[in-house]
Amino acid sequence: MDKNSSKVFFYKGLRKIQNSLYFFFFIIALLVFSYLARDNFSEEEADYSIYSMSYDTNILPDSPRGLEIKYGYRLFIETSQMLGVKSKENPYVGNALSCNNCHLNAGTQAFAIPLIGVNKRFPQYRGRENKTGSLEERINGCFERSMNGKNLKENSKEMKALLAYMNWLGRYVKEDEIINGKGLLKINYPDRAVNLINGKQVFDKHCVECHGEDGQGEKIDNYTFMYPPLWGSNSYNNGAGMTRVLTAAMFIKYNMPQGTTFDNPVLTDEESYDVAGYINQQLRPAKLNLEADFPIREKKPMSTPYPPYADSFSQTQHQLGPFKPIFEYYKKNYNIEKNK
């Protein structure tokens, strides 16, 4: 082989190696892109079999433990009837709501603030109190705010029964296991303020059938509601988590109207956002001492409707947006990414 032929052979070999490297890096890039793109499909691909397990309390025997779990289930479903003004001179529940109104399907519906495995996630730090609290304390937070009532005694029959029910719901969940579908599923909230006119239109179209034109729900009797009030004296107070527009919008998008599930939503992100704003602009009970919430102000969710704040945005903007400037402020100044 002459000198020129050797050079040609060398460069052809080099070109083949170069092409192989290009192909190799192309495959690596494709794999990386595919991995990153999985975020767009993670909810559809995730395992939700935990929600199809048996959570029917009727299967339980009438043993002491079985009866306690069944009692806890009844308290969960009939909270205001069993712990409200209908049954007690000194009630623990101050409105017409039940635990089941926010934790749908008796706490077993994905992305409807399910309680399956919640017992495995406590004690838990919460910014609202700036402390690590017990599950009992978290339950009492709901009684004070969502139920517009007062605390259960932690050693009471009722508290023990609610805990027994939640522990039973978590029997399939391993310690430290994080299940898919917990909490709420995020929405892409619009880069604008809530449109209250559109929010009322969405309410009139999708919500009045169950909650009524006046938002006061559908009564069975003076103390019992088929569908809960969304504002007024029988609804959650202004310290409840559901008064945050972004929290309410996430709940509404993937759970409302009744029968909606996260994988088959009826409303768009914008419709959910607007109707959540409309609902939370209506009058509701006022909780005292809200200024004590979130002692570390920068940890306060950006759609918390009441001051004080760690920023100079108005209370109206915290209630109705636009939220992008607030998000960017906390990202820039505190390196905190807020989603509600």
C-alpha atoms as a PDB file:
ATOM      1  CA  MET A   1       0.000   0.000   0.000  1.00  0.00           C
ATOM      2  CA  ASP A   2       1.518   3.317  -1.070  1.00  0.00           C
ATOM      3  CA  LYS A   3       1.666   6.421   1.078  1.00  0.00           C
ATOM      4  CA  ASN A   4      -1.392   8.105  -0.486  1.00  0.00           C
ATOM      5  CA  SER A   5      -3.472   4.945  -0.162  1.00  0.00           C
ATOM      6  CA  SER A   6      -2.519   4.721   3.519  1.00  0.00           C
ATOM      7  CA  LYS A   7      -3.709   8.268   4.102  1.00  0.00           C
ATOM      8  CA  VAL A   8      -7.023   7.557   2.371  1.00  0.00           C
ATOM      9  CA  PHE A   9      -7.477   4.399   4.428  1.00  0.00           C
ATOM     10  CA  PHE A  10      -6.617   6.286   7.625  1.00  0.00           C
ATOM     11  CA  TYR A  11      -9.064   9.118   6.968  1.00  0.00           C
ATOM     12  CA  LYS A  12     -11.843   6.713   5.987  1.00  0.00           C
ATOM     13  CA  GLY A  13     -11.306   4.876   9.262  1.00  0.00           C
ATOM     14  CA  LEU A  14     -11.279   8.151  11.164  1.00  0.00           C
ATOM     15  CA  ARG A  15     -14.519   9.229   9.470  1.00  0.00           C
ATOM     16  CA  LYS A  16     -16.169   5.936  10.465  1.00  0.00           C
ATOM     17  CA  ILE A  17     -15.109   6.436  14.073  1.00  0.00           C
ATOM     18  CA  GLN A  18     -16.346  10.036  13.959  1.00  0.00           C
ATOM     19  CA  ASN A  19     -19.708   8.961  12.532  1.00  0.00           C
ATOM     20  CA  SER A  20     -19.984   6.276  15.195  1.00  0.00           C
ATOM     21  CA  LEU A  21     -19.349   8.861  17.909  1.00  0.00           C
ATOM     22  CA  TYR A  22     -21.969  11.163  16.393  1.00  0.00           C
ATOM     23  CA  PHE A  23     -24.427   8.286  16.396  1.00  0.00           C
ATOM     24  CA  PHE A  24     -23.501   7.389  19.985  1.00  0.00           C
ATOM     25  CA  PHE A  25     -24.035  10.941  21.228  1.00  0.00           C
ATOM     26  CA  PHE A  26     -27.277  11.169  19.256  1.00  0.00           C
ATOM     27  CA  ILE A  27     -28.588   8.079  21.053  1.00  0.00           C
ATOM     28  CA  ILE A  28     -27.488   9.469  24.433  1.00  0.00           C
ATOM     29  CA  ALA A  29     -29.225  12.789  23.693  1.00  0.00           C
ATOM     30  CA  LEU A  30     -32.357  10.954  22.615  1.00  0.00           C
ATOM     31  CA  LEU A  31     -32.412   8.929  25.835  1.00  0.00           C
ATOM     32  CA  VAL A  32     -31.903  12.048  27.952  1.00  0.00           C
ATOM     33  CA  PHE A  33     -34.670  13.869  26.099  1.00  0.00           C
ATOM     34  CA  SER A  34     -36.996  10.895  26.524  1.00  0.00           C
ATOM     35  CA  TYR A  35     -36.256  10.766  30.253  1.00  0.00           C
ATOM     36  CA  LEU A  36     -36.923  14.469  30.712  1.00  0.00           C
ATOM     37  CA  ALA A  37     -40.069  14.270  28.624  1.00  0.00           C
ATOM     38  CA  ARG A  38     -41.442  11.651  31.002  1.00  0.00           C
ATOM     39  CA  ASP A  39     -42.483  14.492  33.312  1.00  0.00           C
ATOM     40  CA  ASN A  40     -45.278  15.264  30.872  1.00  0.00           C
ATOM     41  CA  PHE A  41     -46.631  11.745  31.178  1.00  0.00           C
ATOM     42  CA  SER A  42     -45.701  10.750  34.702  1.00  0.00           C
ATOM     43  CA  GLU A  43     -49.237  10.959  36.074  1.00  0.00           C
ATOM     44  CA  GLU A  44     -50.626   8.696  33.360  1.00  0.00           C
ATOM     45  CA  GLU A  45     -47.811   6.165  33.766  1.00  0.00           C
ATOM     46  CA  ALA A  46     -47.783   6.124  37.565  1.00  0.00           C
ATOM     47  CA  ASP A  47     -49.143   3.199  39.569  1.00  0.00           C
ATOM     48  CA  TYR A  48     -52.484   4.028  41.181  1.00  0.00           C
ATOM     49  CA  SER A  49     -53.440   0.489  42.186  1.00  0.00           C
ATOM     50  CA  ILE A  50     -53.402   1.496  45.861  1.00  0.00           C
ATOM     51  CA  TYR A  51     -56.747   3.256  45.269  1.00  0.00           C
ATOM     52  CA  SER A  52     -58.454   0.086  44.029  1.00  0.00           C
ATOM     53  CA  MET A  53     -57.708  -1.875  47.205  1.00  0.00           C
ATOM     54  CA  SER A  54     -60.519  -2.668  49.623  1.00  0.00           C
ATOM     55  CA  TYR A  55     -61.532   0.195  51.895  1.00  0.00           C
ATOM     56  CA  ASP A  56     -65.067  -1.000  52.677  1.00  0.00           C
ATOM     57  CA  THR A  57     -65.523  -0.911  56.449  1.00  0.00           C
ATOM     58  CA  ASN A  58     -68.436  -3.366  56.131  1.00  0.00           C
ATOM     59  CA  ILE A  59     -65.901  -6.174  55.784  1.00  0.00           C
ATOM     60  CA  LEU A  60     -64.679  -5.559  59.332  1.00  0.00           C
ATOM     61  CA  PRO A  61     -65.858  -7.762  62.203  1.00  0.00           C
ATOM     62  CA  ASP A  62     -67.672  -6.267  65.177  1.00  0.00           C
ATOM     63  CA  SER A  63     -64.582  -6.674  67.329  1.00  0.00           C
ATOM     64  CA  PRO A  64     -63.401  -3.756  69.527  1.00  0.00           C
ATOM     65  CA  ARG A  65     -60.939  -2.676  66.828  1.00  0.00           C
ATOM     66  CA  GLY A  66     -63.430  -3.206  63.998  1.00  0.00           C
ATOM     67  CA  LEU A  67     -66.100  -1.191  65.780  1.00  0.00           C
ATOM     68  CA  GLU A  68     -63.654   1.641  66.463  1.00  0.00           C
ATOM     69  CA  ILE A  69     -62.678   1.834  62.773  1.00  0.00           C
ATOM     70  CA  LYS A  70     -66.346   1.779  61.747  1.00  0.00           C
ATOM     71  CA  TYR A  71     -67.083   4.567  64.200  1.00  0.00           C
ATOM     72  CA  GLY A  72     -64.182   6.573  62.783  1.00  0.00           C
ATOM     73  CA  TYR A  73     -65.562   6.065  59.282  1.00  0.00           C
ATOM     74  CA  ARG A  74     -68.995   7.328  60.385  1.00  0.00           C
ATOM     75  CA  LEU A  75     -67.410  10.386  61.990  1.00  0.00           C
ATOM     76  CA  PHE A  76     -65.554  11.000  58.735  1.00  0.00           C
ATOM     77  CA  ILE A  77     -68.711  10.811  56.601  1.00  0.00           C
ATOM     78  CA  GLU A  78     -71.214  12.360  59.041  1.00  0.00           C
ATOM     79  CA  THR A  79     -68.938  14.807  60.842  1.00  0.00           C
ATOM     80  CA  SER A  80     -71.342  17.703  61.286  1.00  0.00           C
ATOM     81  CA  GLN A  81     -74.272  15.443  62.173  1.00  0.00           C
ATOM     82  CA  MET A  82     -72.351  13.520  64.830  1.00  0.00           C
ATOM     83  CA  LEU A  83     -70.145  16.308  66.205  1.00  0.00           C
ATOM     84  CA  GLY A  84     -72.126  19.430  65.320  1.00  0.00           C
ATOM     85  CA  VAL A  85     -75.109  21.315  66.709  1.00  0.00           C
ATOM     86  CA  LYS A  86     -77.548  18.514  65.827  1.00  0.00           C
ATOM     87  CA  SER A  87     -76.062  16.141  68.392  1.00  0.00           C
ATOM     88  CA  LYS A  88     -74.203  18.240  70.970  1.00  0.00           C
ATOM     89  CA  GLU A  89     -74.916  21.230  73.197  1.00  0.00           C
ATOM     90  CA  ASN A  90     -71.230  22.139  72.899  1.00  0.00           C
ATOM     91  CA  PRO A  91     -70.376  21.070  69.329  1.00  0.00           C
ATOM     92  CA  TYR A  92     -66.929  20.531  67.854  1.00  0.00           C
ATOM     93  CA  VAL A  93     -68.134  21.331  64.313  1.00  0.00           C
ATOM     94  CA  GLY A  94     -69.456  24.817  63.609  1.00  0.00           C
ATOM     95  CA  ASN A  95     -70.751  24.334  60.065  1.00  0.00           C
ATOM     96  CA  ALA A  96     -72.468  21.765  57.838  1.00  0.00           C
ATOM     97  CA  LEU A  97     -69.363  20.141  56.381  1.00  0.00           C
ATOM     98  CA  SER A  98     -67.875  16.689  56.777  1.00  0.00           C
ATOM     99  CA  CYS A  99     -64.316  15.419  56.388  1.00  0.00           C
ATOM    100  CA  ASN A 100     -65.572  13.676  53.261  1.00  0.00           C
ATOM    101  CA  ASN A 101     -66.304  17.000  51.528  1.00  0.00           C
ATOM    102  CA  CYS A 102     -62.583  17.698  51.015  1.00  0.00           C
ATOM    103  CA  HIS A 103     -61.146  14.164  51.289  1.00  0.00           C
ATOM    104  CA  LEU A 104     -63.406  12.589  48.688  1.00  0.00           C
ATOM    105  CA  ASN A 105     -64.664   9.020  48.576  1.00  0.00           C
ATOM    106  CA  ALA A 106     -64.025   8.653  52.308  1.00  0.00           C
ATOM    107  CA  GLY A 107     -60.406   9.715  51.850  1.00  0.00           C
ATOM    108  CA  THR A 108     -59.598   7.192  49.114  1.00  0.00           C
ATOM    109  CA  GLN A 109     -59.691   9.214  45.872  1.00  0.00           C
ATOM    110  CA  ALA A 110     -56.436  10.093  44.103  1.00  0.00           C
ATOM    111  CA  PHE A 111     -55.583  13.819  44.039  1.00  0.00           C
ATOM    112  CA  ALA A 112     -58.609  14.586  46.223  1.00  0.00           C
ATOM    113  CA  ILE A 113     -56.409  15.033  49.324  1.00  0.00           C
ATOM    114  CA  PRO A 114     -56.555  11.271  50.017  1.00  0.00           C
ATOM    115  CA  LEU A 115     -55.728   9.936  53.462  1.00  0.00           C
ATOM    116  CA  ILE A 116     -54.356   6.562  52.386  1.00  0.00           C
ATOM    117  CA  GLY A 117     -50.962   6.355  54.089  1.00  0.00           C
ATOM    118  CA  VAL A 118     -51.276   9.752  55.778  1.00  0.00           C
ATOM    119  CA  ASN A 119     -50.516   8.091  59.122  1.00  0.00           C
ATOM    120  CA  LYS A 120     -47.073   7.154  57.752  1.00  0.00           C
ATOM    121  CA  ARG A 121     -46.234  10.818  57.003  1.00  0.00           C
ATOM    122  CA  PHE A 122     -46.545  12.141  60.554  1.00  0.00           C
ATOM    123  CA  PRO A 123     -45.061  13.718  62.620  1.00  0.00           C
ATOM    124  CA  GLN A 124     -44.706  16.361  59.905  1.00  0.00           C
ATOM    125  CA  TYR A 125     -43.359  19.898  59.713  1.00  0.00           C
ATOM    126  CA  ARG A 126     -45.927  22.531  58.775  1.00  0.00           C
ATOM    127  CA  GLY A 127     -45.079  26.131  57.974  1.00  0.00           C
ATOM    128  CA  ARG A 128     -48.407  27.445  59.205  1.00  0.00           C
ATOM    129  CA  GLU A 129     -47.442  26.628  62.786  1.00  0.00           C
ATOM    130  CA  ASN A 130     -43.672  26.545  62.118  1.00  0.00           C
ATOM    131  CA  LYS A 131     -43.348  23.288  64.028  1.00  0.00           C
ATOM    132  CA  THR A 132     -43.329  19.542  63.604  1.00  0.00           C
ATOM    133  CA  GLY A 133     -46.787  18.394  64.577  1.00  0.00           C
ATOM    134  CA  SER A 134     -48.676  15.164  65.119  1.00  0.00           C
ATOM    135  CA  LEU A 135     -51.525  13.766  63.044  1.00  0.00           C
ATOM    136  CA  GLU A 136     -53.848  14.635  65.923  1.00  0.00           C
ATOM    137  CA  GLU A 137     -52.788  18.276  65.656  1.00  0.00           C
ATOM    138  CA  ARG A 138     -53.345  18.204  61.902  1.00  0.00           C
ATOM    139  CA  ILE A 139     -56.858  16.811  62.368  1.00  0.00           C
ATOM    140  CA  ASN A 140     -57.617  19.560  64.872  1.00  0.00           C
ATOM    141  CA  GLY A 141     -56.377  22.130  62.379  1.00  0.00           C
ATOM    142  CA  CYS A 142     -59.139  20.935  60.067  1.00  0.00           C
ATOM    143  CA  PHE A 143     -61.690  21.126  62.874  1.00  0.00           C
ATOM    144  CA  GLU A 144     -60.711  24.736  63.617  1.00  0.00           C
ATOM    145  CA  ARG A 145     -60.640  25.889  59.998  1.00  0.00           C
ATOM    146  CA  SER A 146     -62.430  23.692  57.477  1.00  0.00           C
ATOM    147  CA  MET A 147     -65.077  22.710  60.037  1.00  0.00           C
ATOM    148  CA  ASN A 148     -65.138  26.205  61.614  1.00  0.00           C
ATOM    149  CA  GLY A 149     -65.166  24.522  65.001  1.00  0.00           C
ATOM    150  CA  LYS A 150     -62.875  23.657  67.869  1.00  0.00           C
ATOM    151  CA  ASN A 151     -60.315  21.033  68.803  1.00  0.00           C
ATOM    152  CA  LEU A 152     -61.124  17.480  69.777  1.00  0.00           C
ATOM    153  CA  LYS A 153     -59.313  16.252  72.865  1.00  0.00           C
ATOM    154  CA  GLU A 154     -56.420  14.117  71.677  1.00  0.00           C
ATOM    155  CA  ASN A 155     -57.371  11.231  73.990  1.00  0.00           C
ATOM    156  CA  SER A 156     -61.080  11.452  73.200  1.00  0.00           C
ATOM    157  CA  LYS A 157     -63.106   8.558  71.813  1.00  0.00           C
ATOM    158  CA  GLU A 158     -63.715  10.550  68.622  1.00  0.00           C
ATOM    159  CA  MET A 159     -60.055  11.363  67.969  1.00  0.00           C
ATOM    160  CA  LYS A 160     -59.005   7.768  68.605  1.00  0.00           C
ATOM    161  CA  ALA A 161     -61.671   6.528  66.193  1.00  0.00           C
ATOM    162  CA  LEU A 162     -60.613   8.926  63.421  1.00  0.00           C
ATOM    163  CA  LEU A 163     -57.000   7.839  63.891  1.00  0.00           C
ATOM    164  CA  ALA A 164     -58.038   4.174  63.831  1.00  0.00           C
ATOM    165  CA  TYR A 165     -59.832   4.721  60.521  1.00  0.00           C
ATOM    166  CA  MET A 166     -56.833   6.533  59.002  1.00  0.00           C
ATOM    167  CA  ASN A 167     -54.432   3.860  60.252  1.00  0.00           C
ATOM    168  CA  TRP A 168     -56.671   1.221  58.662  1.00  0.00           C
ATOM    169  CA  LEU A 169     -56.677   3.125  55.352  1.00  0.00           C
ATOM    170  CA  GLY A 170     -52.875   3.058  55.448  1.00  0.00           C
ATOM    171  CA  ARG A 171     -52.510  -0.662  56.043  1.00  0.00           C
ATOM    172  CA  TYR A 172     -51.261  -1.326  52.498  1.00  0.00           C
ATOM    173  CA  VAL A 173     -48.656   1.461  52.622  1.00  0.00           C
ATOM    174  CA  LYS A 174     -45.116   0.766  53.787  1.00  0.00           C
ATOM    175  CA  GLU A 175     -43.226   2.997  56.193  1.00  0.00           C
ATOM    176  CA  ASP A 176     -41.704   5.994  54.360  1.00  0.00           C
ATOM    177  CA  GLU A 177     -43.486   5.000  51.124  1.00  0.00           C
ATOM    178  CA  ILE A 178     -44.705   7.961  49.086  1.00  0.00           C
ATOM    179  CA  ILE A 179     -47.791   6.927  47.152  1.00  0.00           C
ATOM    180  CA  ASN A 180     -48.854   8.399  43.828  1.00  0.00           C
ATOM    181  CA  GLY A 181     -51.920  10.623  43.881  1.00  0.00           C
ATOM    182  CA  LYS A 182     -51.429  12.123  47.334  1.00  0.00           C
ATOM    183  CA  GLY A 183     -52.418  15.730  47.963  1.00  0.00           C
ATOM    184  CA  LEU A 184     -53.540  17.735  44.941  1.00  0.00           C
ATOM    185  CA  LEU A 185     -52.411  17.787  41.317  1.00  0.00           C
ATOM    186  CA  LYS A 186     -50.921  21.064  40.078  1.00  0.00           C
ATOM    187  CA  ILE A 187     -52.506  23.218  37.421  1.00  0.00           C
ATOM    188  CA  ASN A 188     -50.898  25.690  35.036  1.00  0.00           C
ATOM    189  CA  TYR A 189     -52.482  28.809  36.457  1.00  0.00           C
ATOM    190  CA  PRO A 190     -52.929  31.699  33.996  1.00  0.00           C
ATOM    191  CA  ASP A 191     -50.586  34.684  34.008  1.00  0.00           C
ATOM    192  CA  ARG A 192     -53.432  37.041  34.840  1.00  0.00           C
ATOM    193  CA  ALA A 193     -55.778  37.913  37.647  1.00  0.00           C
ATOM    194  CA  VAL A 194     -58.889  35.846  38.296  1.00  0.00           C
ATOM    195  CA  ASN A 195     -61.780  36.818  36.020  1.00  0.00           C
ATOM    196  CA  LEU A 196     -64.701  36.938  38.454  1.00  0.00           C
ATOM    197  CA  ILE A 197     -67.292  37.355  35.683  1.00  0.00           C
ATOM    198  CA  ASN A 198     -66.044  34.203  33.988  1.00  0.00           C
ATOM    199  CA  GLY A 199     -65.861  32.501  37.392  1.00  0.00           C
ATOM    200  CA  LYS A 200     -69.568  33.117  37.972  1.00  0.00           C
ATOM    201  CA  GLN A 201     -70.375  31.819  34.492  1.00  0.00           C
ATOM    202  CA  VAL A 202     -68.447  28.607  35.213  1.00  0.00           C
ATOM    203  CA  PHE A 203     -70.233  28.328  38.564  1.00  0.00           C
ATOM    204  CA  ASP A 204     -73.649  28.792  36.951  1.00  0.00           C
ATOM    205  CA  LYS A 205     -72.872  26.203  34.288  1.00  0.00           C
ATOM    206  CA  HIS A 206     -71.195  23.481  36.336  1.00  0.00           C
ATOM    207  CA  CYS A 207     -71.805  24.018  40.058  1.00  0.00           C
ATOM    208  CA  VAL A 208     -75.370  25.182  40.698  1.00  0.00           C
ATOM    209  CA  GLU A 209     -76.907  21.739  40.127  1.00  0.00           C
ATOM    210  CA  CYS A 210     -75.364  20.500  43.390  1.00  0.00           C
ATOM    211  CA  HIS A 211     -74.437  23.640  45.323  1.00  0.00           C
ATOM    212  CA  GLY A 212     -77.362  25.857  44.320  1.00  0.00           C
ATOM    213  CA  GLU A 213     -77.457  29.309  42.776  1.00  0.00           C
ATOM    214  CA  ASP A 214     -76.722  30.807  46.193  1.00  0.00           C
ATOM    215  CA  GLY A 215     -73.848  28.394  46.886  1.00  0.00           C
ATOM    216  CA  GLN A 216     -75.629  27.037  49.964  1.00  0.00           C
ATOM    217  CA  GLY A 217     -75.710  23.399  48.916  1.00  0.00           C
ATOM    218  CA  GLU A 218     -78.581  20.936  48.961  1.00  0.00           C
ATOM    219  CA  LYS A 219     -80.182  20.151  52.309  1.00  0.00           C
ATOM    220  CA  ILE A 220     -81.595  16.852  53.498  1.00  0.00           C
ATOM    221  CA  ASP A 221     -82.751  18.433  56.753  1.00  0.00           C
ATOM    222  CA  ASN A 222     -81.766  21.460  58.847  1.00  0.00           C
ATOM    223  CA  TYR A 223     -78.465  19.847  59.837  1.00  0.00           C
ATOM    224  CA  THR A 224     -77.622  17.496  56.984  1.00  0.00           C
ATOM    225  CA  PHE A 225     -76.546  18.360  53.445  1.00  0.00           C
ATOM    226  CA  MET A 226     -76.457  16.168  50.373  1.00  0.00           C
ATOM    227  CA  TYR A 227     -74.029  18.682  48.813  1.00  0.00           C
ATOM    228  CA  PRO A 228     -72.075  21.139  50.972  1.00  0.00           C
ATOM    229  CA  PRO A 229     -72.354  24.933  51.144  1.00  0.00           C
ATOM    230  CA  LEU A 230     -69.422  26.684  49.457  1.00  0.00           C
ATOM    231  CA  TRP A 231     -69.760  29.946  51.358  1.00  0.00           C
ATOM    232  CA  GLY A 232     -71.817  31.485  54.124  1.00  0.00           C
ATOM    233  CA  SER A 233     -72.151  30.495  57.785  1.00  0.00           C
ATOM    234  CA  ASN A 234     -72.290  26.757  57.061  1.00  0.00           C
ATOM    235  CA  SER A 235     -69.050  26.617  55.053  1.00  0.00           C
ATOM    236  CA  TYR A 236     -65.323  26.666  55.835  1.00  0.00           C
ATOM    237  CA  ASN A 237     -63.873  29.778  57.435  1.00  0.00           C
ATOM    238  CA  ASN A 238     -61.342  32.194  55.965  1.00  0.00           C
ATOM    239  CA  GLY A 239     -58.426  30.425  57.632  1.00  0.00           C
ATOM    240  CA  ALA A 240     -59.001  27.135  55.813  1.00  0.00           C
ATOM    241  CA  GLY A 241     -56.580  25.954  53.149  1.00  0.00           C
ATOM    242  CA  MET A 242     -59.385  25.898  50.599  1.00  0.00           C
ATOM    243  CA  THR A 243     -59.623  29.708  50.750  1.00  0.00           C
ATOM    244  CA  ARG A 244     -56.372  29.834  48.761  1.00  0.00           C
ATOM    245  CA  VAL A 245     -57.394  30.315  45.149  1.00  0.00           C
ATOM    246  CA  LEU A 246     -54.648  28.059  43.792  1.00  0.00           C
ATOM    247  CA  THR A 247     -55.396  25.272  46.295  1.00  0.00           C
ATOM    248  CA  ALA A 248     -59.115  25.447  45.492  1.00  0.00           C
ATOM    249  CA  ALA A 249     -58.394  25.546  41.756  1.00  0.00           C
ATOM    250  CA  MET A 250     -56.309  22.359  41.956  1.00  0.00           C
ATOM    251  CA  PHE A 251     -59.049  20.598  43.909  1.00  0.00           C
ATOM    252  CA  ILE A 252     -61.789  21.785  41.533  1.00  0.00           C
ATOM    253  CA  LYS A 253     -59.917  20.982  38.299  1.00  0.00           C
ATOM    254  CA  TYR A 254     -59.432  17.296  39.065  1.00  0.00           C
ATOM    255  CA  ASN A 255     -62.496  16.552  41.212  1.00  0.00           C
ATOM    256  CA  MET A 256     -65.405  18.750  40.119  1.00  0.00           C
ATOM    257  CA  PRO A 257     -68.172  18.560  38.986  1.00  0.00           C
ATOM    258  CA  GLN A 258     -69.065  15.460  40.987  1.00  0.00           C
ATOM    259  CA  GLY A 259     -67.770  12.289  39.373  1.00  0.00           C
ATOM    260  CA  THR A 260     -64.719  13.955  37.832  1.00  0.00           C
ATOM    261  CA  THR A 261     -61.380  12.192  38.262  1.00  0.00           C
ATOM    262  CA  PHE A 262     -57.849  13.479  37.724  1.00  0.00           C
ATOM    263  CA  ASP A 263     -57.411  11.501  34.501  1.00  0.00           C
ATOM    264  CA  ASN A 264     -60.638  12.795  32.963  1.00  0.00           C
ATOM    265  CA  PRO A 265     -61.152  16.440  34.022  1.00  0.00           C
ATOM    266  CA  VAL A 266     -64.148  18.459  32.858  1.00  0.00           C
ATOM    267  CA  LEU A 267     -62.902  21.997  33.483  1.00  0.00           C
ATOM    268  CA  THR A 268     -59.851  23.691  32.017  1.00  0.00           C
ATOM    269  CA  ASP A 269     -57.118  25.218  34.173  1.00  0.00           C
ATOM    270  CA  GLU A 270     -58.485  28.701  33.470  1.00  0.00           C
ATOM    271  CA  GLU A 271     -62.076  27.739  34.315  1.00  0.00           C
ATOM    272  CA  SER A 272     -60.935  26.132  37.569  1.00  0.00           C
ATOM    273  CA  TYR A 273     -58.860  29.185  38.447  1.00  0.00           C
ATOM    274  CA  ASP A 274     -61.700  31.637  37.790  1.00  0.00           C
ATOM    275  CA  VAL A 275     -64.416  29.673  39.579  1.00  0.00           C
ATOM    276  CA  ALA A 276     -62.134  29.112  42.589  1.00  0.00           C
ATOM    277  CA  GLY A 277     -61.616  32.873  42.778  1.00  0.00           C
ATOM    278  CA  TYR A 278     -65.346  33.526  42.469  1.00  0.00           C
ATOM    279  CA  ILE A 279     -66.214  31.069  45.276  1.00  0.00           C
ATOM    280  CA  ASN A 280     -63.570  32.430  47.629  1.00  0.00           C
ATOM    281  CA  GLN A 281     -64.643  36.039  47.157  1.00  0.00           C
ATOM    282  CA  GLN A 282     -67.981  35.252  48.804  1.00  0.00           C
ATOM    283  CA  LEU A 283     -68.614  35.867  52.512  1.00  0.00           C
ATOM    284  CA  ARG A 284     -67.728  33.118  54.973  1.00  0.00           C
ATOM    285  CA  PRO A 285     -66.971  32.770  58.712  1.00  0.00           C
ATOM    286  CA  ALA A 286     -63.921  34.610  60.032  1.00  0.00           C
ATOM    287  CA  LYS A 287     -61.248  32.884  62.088  1.00  0.00           C
ATOM    288  CA  LEU A 288     -59.562  34.821  64.855  1.00  0.00           C
ATOM    289  CA  ASN A 289     -55.806  35.347  65.192  1.00  0.00           C
ATOM    290  CA  LEU A 290     -54.909  34.661  61.574  1.00  0.00           C
ATOM    291  CA  GLU A 291     -51.936  37.004  61.920  1.00  0.00           C
ATOM    292  CA  ALA A 292     -50.236  34.264  63.961  1.00  0.00           C
ATOM    293  CA  ASP A 293     -50.200  31.890  60.975  1.00  0.00           C
ATOM    294  CA  PHE A 294     -46.849  31.309  59.236  1.00  0.00           C
ATOM    295  CA  PRO A 295     -44.485  32.961  61.736  1.00  0.00           C
ATOM    296  CA  ILE A 296     -41.805  32.702  59.038  1.00  0.00           C
ATOM    297  CA  ARG A 297     -43.655  34.889  56.532  1.00  0.00           C
ATOM    298  CA  GLU A 298     -41.757  33.795  53.431  1.00  0.00           C
ATOM    299  CA  LYS A 299     -43.142  30.274  53.924  1.00  0.00           C
ATOM    300  CA  LYS A 300     -46.710  31.523  53.502  1.00  0.00           C
ATOM    301  CA  PRO A 301     -48.406  30.192  50.335  1.00  0.00           C
ATOM    302  CA  MET A 302     -48.641  32.988  47.796  1.00  0.00           C
ATOM    303  CA  SER A 303     -52.440  32.733  47.435  1.00  0.00           C
ATOM    304  CA  THR A 304     -53.069  32.968  51.179  1.00  0.00           C
ATOM    305  CA  PRO A 305     -55.907  35.523  51.278  1.00  0.00           C
ATOM    306  CA  TYR A 306     -54.956  37.253  54.526  1.00  0.00           C
ATOM    307  CA  PRO A 307     -51.893  39.292  55.620  1.00  0.00           C
ATOM    308  CA  PRO A 308     -49.250  39.844  56.857  1.00  0.00           C
ATOM    309  CA  TYR A 309     -46.923  38.926  53.980  1.00  0.00           C
ATOM    310  CA  ALA A 310     -43.175  38.913  53.435  1.00  0.00           C
ATOM    311  CA  ASP A 311     -43.630  41.069  50.335  1.00  0.00           C
ATOM    312  CA  SER A 312     -45.254  44.325  49.220  1.00  0.00           C
ATOM    313  CA  PHE A 313     -47.931  42.838  46.944  1.00  0.00           C
ATOM    314  CA  SER A 314     -51.480  43.818  47.850  1.00  0.00           C
ATOM    315  CA  GLN A 315     -53.915  41.555  49.676  1.00  0.00           C
ATOM    316  CA  THR A 316     -56.129  41.661  46.578  1.00  0.00           C
ATOM    317  CA  GLN A 317     -53.291  40.338  44.424  1.00  0.00           C
ATOM    318  CA  HIS A 318     -52.645  37.535  46.920  1.00  0.00           C
ATOM    319  CA  GLN A 319     -56.337  36.653  46.688  1.00  0.00           C
ATOM    320  CA  LEU A 320     -56.857  36.976  42.945  1.00  0.00           C
ATOM    321  CA  GLY A 321     -53.485  37.201  41.225  1.00  0.00           C
ATOM    322  CA  PRO A 322     -51.746  37.593  38.923  1.00  0.00           C
ATOM    323  CA  PHE A 323     -49.441  35.192  40.761  1.00  0.00           C
ATOM    324  CA  LYS A 324     -46.470  35.095  38.414  1.00  0.00           C
ATOM    325  CA  PRO A 325     -44.907  38.305  39.859  1.00  0.00           C
ATOM    326  CA  ILE A 326     -45.355  36.913  43.379  1.00  0.00           C
ATOM    327  CA  PHE A 327     -43.823  33.588  42.336  1.00  0.00           C
ATOM    328  CA  GLU A 328     -40.850  35.362  40.756  1.00  0.00           C
ATOM    329  CA  TYR A 329     -40.343  37.537  43.832  1.00  0.00           C
ATOM    330  CA  TYR A 330     -39.994  34.550  46.170  1.00  0.00           C
ATOM    331  CA  LYS A 331     -37.838  32.668  43.700  1.00  0.00           C
ATOM    332  CA  LYS A 332     -35.476  35.617  43.331  1.00  0.00           C
ATOM    333  CA  ASN A 333     -35.329  36.761  46.942  1.00  0.00           C
ATOM    334  CA  TYR A 334     -35.704  33.500  48.884  1.00  0.00           C
ATOM    335  CA  ASN A 335     -35.047  30.793  46.257  1.00  0.00           C
ATOM    336  CA  ILE A 336     -38.489  29.377  47.104  1.00  0.00           C
ATOM    337  CA  GLU A 337     -40.725  28.004  44.346  1.00  0.00           C
ATOM    338  CA  LYS A 338     -44.369  28.347  45.319  1.00  0.00           C
ATOM    339  CA  ASN A 339     -47.241  26.500  43.647  1.00  0.00           C
ATOM    340  CA  LYS A 340     -50.225  27.562  45.721  1.00  0.00           C
END
